[in-house]
Amino acid sequence: MDSGPVLTEVVGVQLLLMNVLKSVATAQPMTAAAFDNIVTEVHKVKKTVARKLIQEGK
């Protein structure tokens, strides 16, 4: 089952925000390398997470 490109990208944005906003909210610096690692990880997992959400009916 295809999760759909729109849902996949929305999940990707959500994952990115969840991983970055804590640093922003607590005024903690984030290196460019740390940000790049987050982006790489989001690219790896966003389709899987979107499929899981569909299967769970969310």
PDB file of N, CA and C in Angstrom:
ATOM      1  N   MET A   1       0.843  -1.179   0.000  1.00  0.00           N
ATOM      2  CA  MET A   1       0.000   0.000   0.000  1.00  0.00           C
ATOM      3  C   MET A   1       0.891   1.246   0.000  1.00  0.00           C
ATOM      4  N   ASP A   2       0.642   2.150  -0.905  1.00  0.00           N
ATOM      5  CA  ASP A   2       1.416   3.389  -0.996  1.00  0.00           C
ATOM      6  C   ASP A   2       0.846   4.394  -0.004  1.00  0.00           C
ATOM      7  N   SER A   3       1.702   5.004   0.772  1.00  0.00           N
ATOM      8  CA  SER A   3       1.241   5.964   1.775  1.00  0.00           C
ATOM      9  C   SER A   3       0.905   7.314   1.170  1.00  0.00           C
ATOM     10  N   GLY A   4       1.254   7.524  -0.078  1.00  0.00           N
ATOM     11  CA  GLY A   4       0.955   8.784  -0.738  1.00  0.00           C
ATOM     12  C   GLY A   4       2.036   9.800  -0.483  1.00  0.00           C
ATOM     13  N   PRO A   5       2.408  10.511  -1.526  1.00  0.00           N
ATOM     14  CA  PRO A   5       3.514  11.470  -1.378  1.00  0.00           C
ATOM     15  C   PRO A   5       3.199  12.630  -0.446  1.00  0.00           C
ATOM     16  N   VAL A   6       1.944  13.063  -0.391  1.00  0.00           N
ATOM     17  CA  VAL A   6       1.613  14.201   0.472  1.00  0.00           C
ATOM     18  C   VAL A   6       1.728  13.802   1.939  1.00  0.00           C
ATOM     19  N   LEU A   7       1.133  12.665   2.302  1.00  0.00           N
ATOM     20  CA  LEU A   7       1.224  12.211   3.685  1.00  0.00           C
ATOM     21  C   LEU A   7       2.676  11.972   4.073  1.00  0.00           C
ATOM     22  N   THR A   8       3.436  11.370   3.187  1.00  0.00           N
ATOM     23  CA  THR A   8       4.848  11.098   3.469  1.00  0.00           C
ATOM     24  C   THR A   8       5.607  12.388   3.760  1.00  0.00           C
ATOM     25  N   GLU A   9       5.355  13.429   2.976  1.00  0.00           N
ATOM     26  CA  GLU A   9       6.053  14.702   3.201  1.00  0.00           C
ATOM     27  C   GLU A   9       5.574  15.394   4.464  1.00  0.00           C
ATOM     28  N   VAL A  10       4.284  15.306   4.768  1.00  0.00           N
ATOM     29  CA  VAL A  10       3.770  15.886   6.016  1.00  0.00           C
ATOM     30  C   VAL A  10       4.417  15.194   7.216  1.00  0.00           C
ATOM     31  N   VAL A  11       4.508  13.873   7.156  1.00  0.00           N
ATOM     32  CA  VAL A  11       5.171  13.125   8.224  1.00  0.00           C
ATOM     33  C   VAL A  11       6.637  13.554   8.321  1.00  0.00           C
ATOM     34  N   GLY A  12       7.290  13.739   7.184  1.00  0.00           N
ATOM     35  CA  GLY A  12       8.679  14.182   7.192  1.00  0.00           C
ATOM     36  C   GLY A  12       8.851  15.529   7.866  1.00  0.00           C
ATOM     37  N   VAL A  13       7.965  16.458   7.572  1.00  0.00           N
ATOM     38  CA  VAL A  13       8.037  17.786   8.200  1.00  0.00           C
ATOM     39  C   VAL A  13       7.783  17.669   9.700  1.00  0.00           C
ATOM     40  N   GLN A  14       6.804  16.845  10.080  1.00  0.00           N
ATOM     41  CA  GLN A  14       6.517  16.648  11.498  1.00  0.00           C
ATOM     42  C   GLN A  14       7.736  16.068  12.222  1.00  0.00           C
ATOM     43  N   LEU A  15       8.353  15.054  11.648  1.00  0.00           N
ATOM     44  CA  LEU A  15       9.534  14.453  12.268  1.00  0.00           C
ATOM     45  C   LEU A  15      10.674  15.459  12.389  1.00  0.00           C
ATOM     46  N   LEU A  16      10.876  16.239  11.343  1.00  0.00           N
ATOM     47  CA  LEU A  16      11.927  17.251  11.373  1.00  0.00           C
ATOM     48  C   LEU A  16      11.670  18.264  12.488  1.00  0.00           C
ATOM     49  N   LEU A  17      10.446  18.758  12.558  1.00  0.00           N
ATOM     50  CA  LEU A  17      10.108  19.739  13.590  1.00  0.00           C
ATOM     51  C   LEU A  17      10.266  19.171  14.989  1.00  0.00           C
ATOM     52  N   MET A  18       9.810  17.947  15.184  1.00  0.00           N
ATOM     53  CA  MET A  18       9.918  17.327  16.506  1.00  0.00           C
ATOM     54  C   MET A  18      11.369  17.199  16.942  1.00  0.00           C
ATOM     55  N   ASN A  19      12.251  16.963  15.996  1.00  0.00           N
ATOM     56  CA  ASN A  19      13.662  16.782  16.323  1.00  0.00           C
ATOM     57  C   ASN A  19      14.425  18.094  16.467  1.00  0.00           C
ATOM     58  N   VAL A  20      13.950  19.155  15.848  1.00  0.00           N
ATOM     59  CA  VAL A  20      14.682  20.426  15.853  1.00  0.00           C
ATOM     60  C   VAL A  20      14.134  21.412  16.882  1.00  0.00           C
ATOM     61  N   LEU A  21      12.844  21.381  17.145  1.00  0.00           N
ATOM     62  CA  LEU A  21      12.243  22.414  17.986  1.00  0.00           C
ATOM     63  C   LEU A  21      12.712  22.406  19.435  1.00  0.00           C
ATOM     64  N   LYS A  22      13.100  21.262  19.958  1.00  0.00           N
ATOM     65  CA  LYS A  22      13.595  21.248  21.337  1.00  0.00           C
ATOM     66  C   LYS A  22      14.827  22.131  21.472  1.00  0.00           C
ATOM     67  N   SER A  23      15.734  22.033  20.522  1.00  0.00           N
ATOM     68  CA  SER A  23      16.922  22.888  20.554  1.00  0.00           C
ATOM     69  C   SER A  23      16.548  24.361  20.433  1.00  0.00           C
ATOM     70  N   VAL A  24      15.589  24.639  19.590  1.00  0.00           N
ATOM     71  CA  VAL A  24      15.152  26.025  19.410  1.00  0.00           C
ATOM     72  C   VAL A  24      14.486  26.543  20.683  1.00  0.00           C
ATOM     73  N   ALA A  25      13.599  25.737  21.250  1.00  0.00           N
ATOM     74  CA  ALA A  25      12.847  26.161  22.435  1.00  0.00           C
ATOM     75  C   ALA A  25      13.730  26.358  23.657  1.00  0.00           C
ATOM     76  N   THR A  26      14.793  25.578  23.745  1.00  0.00           N
ATOM     77  CA  THR A  26      15.681  25.686  24.901  1.00  0.00           C
ATOM     78  C   THR A  26      16.926  26.515  24.606  1.00  0.00           C
ATOM     79  N   ALA A  27      16.936  27.142  23.459  1.00  0.00           N
ATOM     80  CA  ALA A  27      18.047  28.004  23.032  1.00  0.00           C
ATOM     81  C   ALA A  27      19.381  27.263  23.031  1.00  0.00           C
ATOM     82  N   GLN A  28      19.340  25.979  22.705  1.00  0.00           N
ATOM     83  CA  GLN A  28      20.565  25.191  22.606  1.00  0.00           C
ATOM     84  C   GLN A  28      21.081  25.261  21.173  1.00  0.00           C
ATOM     85  N   PRO A  29      22.355  25.503  21.011  1.00  0.00           N
ATOM     86  CA  PRO A  29      22.895  25.552  19.654  1.00  0.00           C
ATOM     87  C   PRO A  29      22.864  24.176  18.989  1.00  0.00           C
ATOM     88  N   MET A  30      22.688  24.174  17.694  1.00  0.00           N
ATOM     89  CA  MET A  30      22.722  22.937  16.925  1.00  0.00           C
ATOM     90  C   MET A  30      23.722  23.125  15.801  1.00  0.00           C
ATOM     91  N   THR A  31      24.640  22.212  15.707  1.00  0.00           N
ATOM     92  CA  THR A  31      25.640  22.316  14.644  1.00  0.00           C
ATOM     93  C   THR A  31      25.007  21.964  13.306  1.00  0.00           C
ATOM     94  N   ALA A  32      25.652  22.394  12.252  1.00  0.00           N
ATOM     95  CA  ALA A  32      25.180  22.051  10.907  1.00  0.00           C
ATOM     96  C   ALA A  32      25.218  20.542  10.711  1.00  0.00           C
ATOM     97  N   ALA A  33      26.218  19.888  11.255  1.00  0.00           N
ATOM     98  CA  ALA A  33      26.334  18.437  11.129  1.00  0.00           C
ATOM     99  C   ALA A  33      25.178  17.731  11.839  1.00  0.00           C
ATOM    100  N   ALA A  34      24.805  18.213  13.017  1.00  0.00           N
ATOM    101  CA  ALA A  34      23.688  17.619  13.755  1.00  0.00           C
ATOM    102  C   ALA A  34      22.388  17.784  12.967  1.00  0.00           C
ATOM    103  N   PHE A  35      22.180  18.965  12.396  1.00  0.00           N
ATOM    104  CA  PHE A  35      20.988  19.193  11.589  1.00  0.00           C
ATOM    105  C   PHE A  35      20.981  18.279  10.366  1.00  0.00           C
ATOM    106  N   ASP A  36      22.109  18.163   9.698  1.00  0.00           N
ATOM    107  CA  ASP A  36      22.208  17.281   8.533  1.00  0.00           C
ATOM    108  C   ASP A  36      21.903  15.834   8.903  1.00  0.00           C
ATOM    109  N   ASN A  37      22.367  15.394  10.077  1.00  0.00           N
ATOM    110  CA  ASN A  37      22.073  14.039  10.534  1.00  0.00           C
ATOM    111  C   ASN A  37      20.578  13.837  10.757  1.00  0.00           C
ATOM    112  N   ILE A  38      19.912  14.831  11.317  1.00  0.00           N
ATOM    113  CA  ILE A  38      18.466  14.749  11.523  1.00  0.00           C
ATOM    114  C   ILE A  38      17.753  14.640  10.186  1.00  0.00           C
ATOM    115  N   VAL A  39      18.130  15.483   9.234  1.00  0.00           N
ATOM    116  CA  VAL A  39      17.504  15.457   7.906  1.00  0.00           C
ATOM    117  C   VAL A  39      17.704  14.097   7.241  1.00  0.00           C
ATOM    118  N   THR A  40      18.902  13.555   7.342  1.00  0.00           N
ATOM    119  CA  THR A  40      19.187  12.241   6.763  1.00  0.00           C
ATOM    120  C   THR A  40      18.299  11.169   7.387  1.00  0.00           C
ATOM    121  N   GLU A  41      18.168  11.190   8.693  1.00  0.00           N
ATOM    122  CA  GLU A  41      17.347  10.198   9.396  1.00  0.00           C
ATOM    123  C   GLU A  41      15.872  10.346   9.019  1.00  0.00           C
ATOM    124  N   VAL A  42      15.399  11.577   8.913  1.00  0.00           N
ATOM    125  CA  VAL A  42      14.000  11.805   8.513  1.00  0.00           C
ATOM    126  C   VAL A  42      13.757  11.236   7.118  1.00  0.00           C
ATOM    127  N   HIS A  43      14.679  11.456   6.203  1.00  0.00           N
ATOM    128  CA  HIS A  43      14.537  10.899   4.853  1.00  0.00           C
ATOM    129  C   HIS A  43      14.442   9.375   4.886  1.00  0.00           C
ATOM    130  N   LYS A  44      15.177   8.755   5.796  1.00  0.00           N
ATOM    131  CA  LYS A  44      15.186   7.298   5.889  1.00  0.00           C
ATOM    132  C   LYS A  44      13.871   6.733   6.419  1.00  0.00           C
ATOM    133  N   VAL A  45      13.232   7.416   7.363  1.00  0.00           N
ATOM    134  CA  VAL A  45      12.104   6.809   8.082  1.00  0.00           C
ATOM    135  C   VAL A  45      10.728   7.356   7.729  1.00  0.00           C
ATOM    136  N   LYS A  46      10.634   8.434   6.987  1.00  0.00           N
ATOM    137  CA  LYS A  46       9.330   9.075   6.803  1.00  0.00           C
ATOM    138  C   LYS A  46       8.302   8.185   6.092  1.00  0.00           C
ATOM    139  N   LYS A  47       8.710   7.419   5.090  1.00  0.00           N
ATOM    140  CA  LYS A  47       7.765   6.538   4.400  1.00  0.00           C
ATOM    141  C   LYS A  47       7.268   5.431   5.319  1.00  0.00           C
ATOM    142  N   THR A  48       8.174   4.869   6.098  1.00  0.00           N
ATOM    143  CA  THR A  48       7.800   3.814   7.029  1.00  0.00           C
ATOM    144  C   THR A  48       6.812   4.329   8.068  1.00  0.00           C
ATOM    145  N   VAL A  49       7.065   5.507   8.600  1.00  0.00           N
ATOM    146  CA  VAL A  49       6.180   6.089   9.601  1.00  0.00           C
ATOM    147  C   VAL A  49       4.814   6.394   8.989  1.00  0.00           C
ATOM    148  N   ALA A  50       4.785   6.927   7.782  1.00  0.00           N
ATOM    149  CA  ALA A  50       3.516   7.233   7.119  1.00  0.00           C
ATOM    150  C   ALA A  50       2.704   5.957   6.897  1.00  0.00           C
ATOM    151  N   ARG A  51       3.359   4.885   6.439  1.00  0.00           N
ATOM    152  CA  ARG A  51       2.655   3.603   6.246  1.00  0.00           C
ATOM    153  C   ARG A  51       2.097   3.074   7.555  1.00  0.00           C
ATOM    154  N   LYS A  52       2.871   3.195   8.618  1.00  0.00           N
ATOM    155  CA  LYS A  52       2.429   2.718   9.928  1.00  0.00           C
ATOM    156  C   LYS A  52       1.198   3.495  10.396  1.00  0.00           C
ATOM    157  N   LEU A  53       1.190   4.799  10.179  1.00  0.00           N
ATOM    158  CA  LEU A  53       0.033   5.603  10.558  1.00  0.00           C
ATOM    159  C   LEU A  53      -1.219   5.179   9.798  1.00  0.00           C
ATOM    160  N   ILE A  54      -1.079   4.882   8.511  1.00  0.00           N
ATOM    161  CA  ILE A  54      -2.211   4.428   7.719  1.00  0.00           C
ATOM    162  C   ILE A  54      -2.720   3.093   8.243  1.00  0.00           C
ATOM    163  N   GLN A  55      -1.814   2.182   8.540  1.00  0.00           N
ATOM    164  CA  GLN A  55      -2.212   0.871   9.041  1.00  0.00           C
ATOM    165  C   GLN A  55      -2.918   0.973  10.380  1.00  0.00           C
ATOM    166  N   GLU A  56      -2.515   1.920  11.203  1.00  0.00           N
ATOM    167  CA  GLU A  56      -3.137   2.113  12.512  1.00  0.00           C
ATOM    168  C   GLU A  56      -4.441   2.911  12.415  1.00  0.00           C
ATOM    169  N   GLY A  57      -4.731   3.420  11.223  1.00  0.00           N
ATOM    170  CA  GLY A  57      -5.963   4.179  11.015  1.00  0.00           C
ATOM    171  C   GLY A  57      -5.940   5.574  11.593  1.00  0.00           C
ATOM    172  N   LYS A  58      -4.766   6.164  11.680  1.00  0.00           N
ATOM    173  CA  LYS A  58      -4.654   7.524  12.230  1.00  0.00           C
ATOM    174  C   LYS A  58      -4.585   8.546  11.146  1.00  0.00           C
TER     175      LYS A  58
END
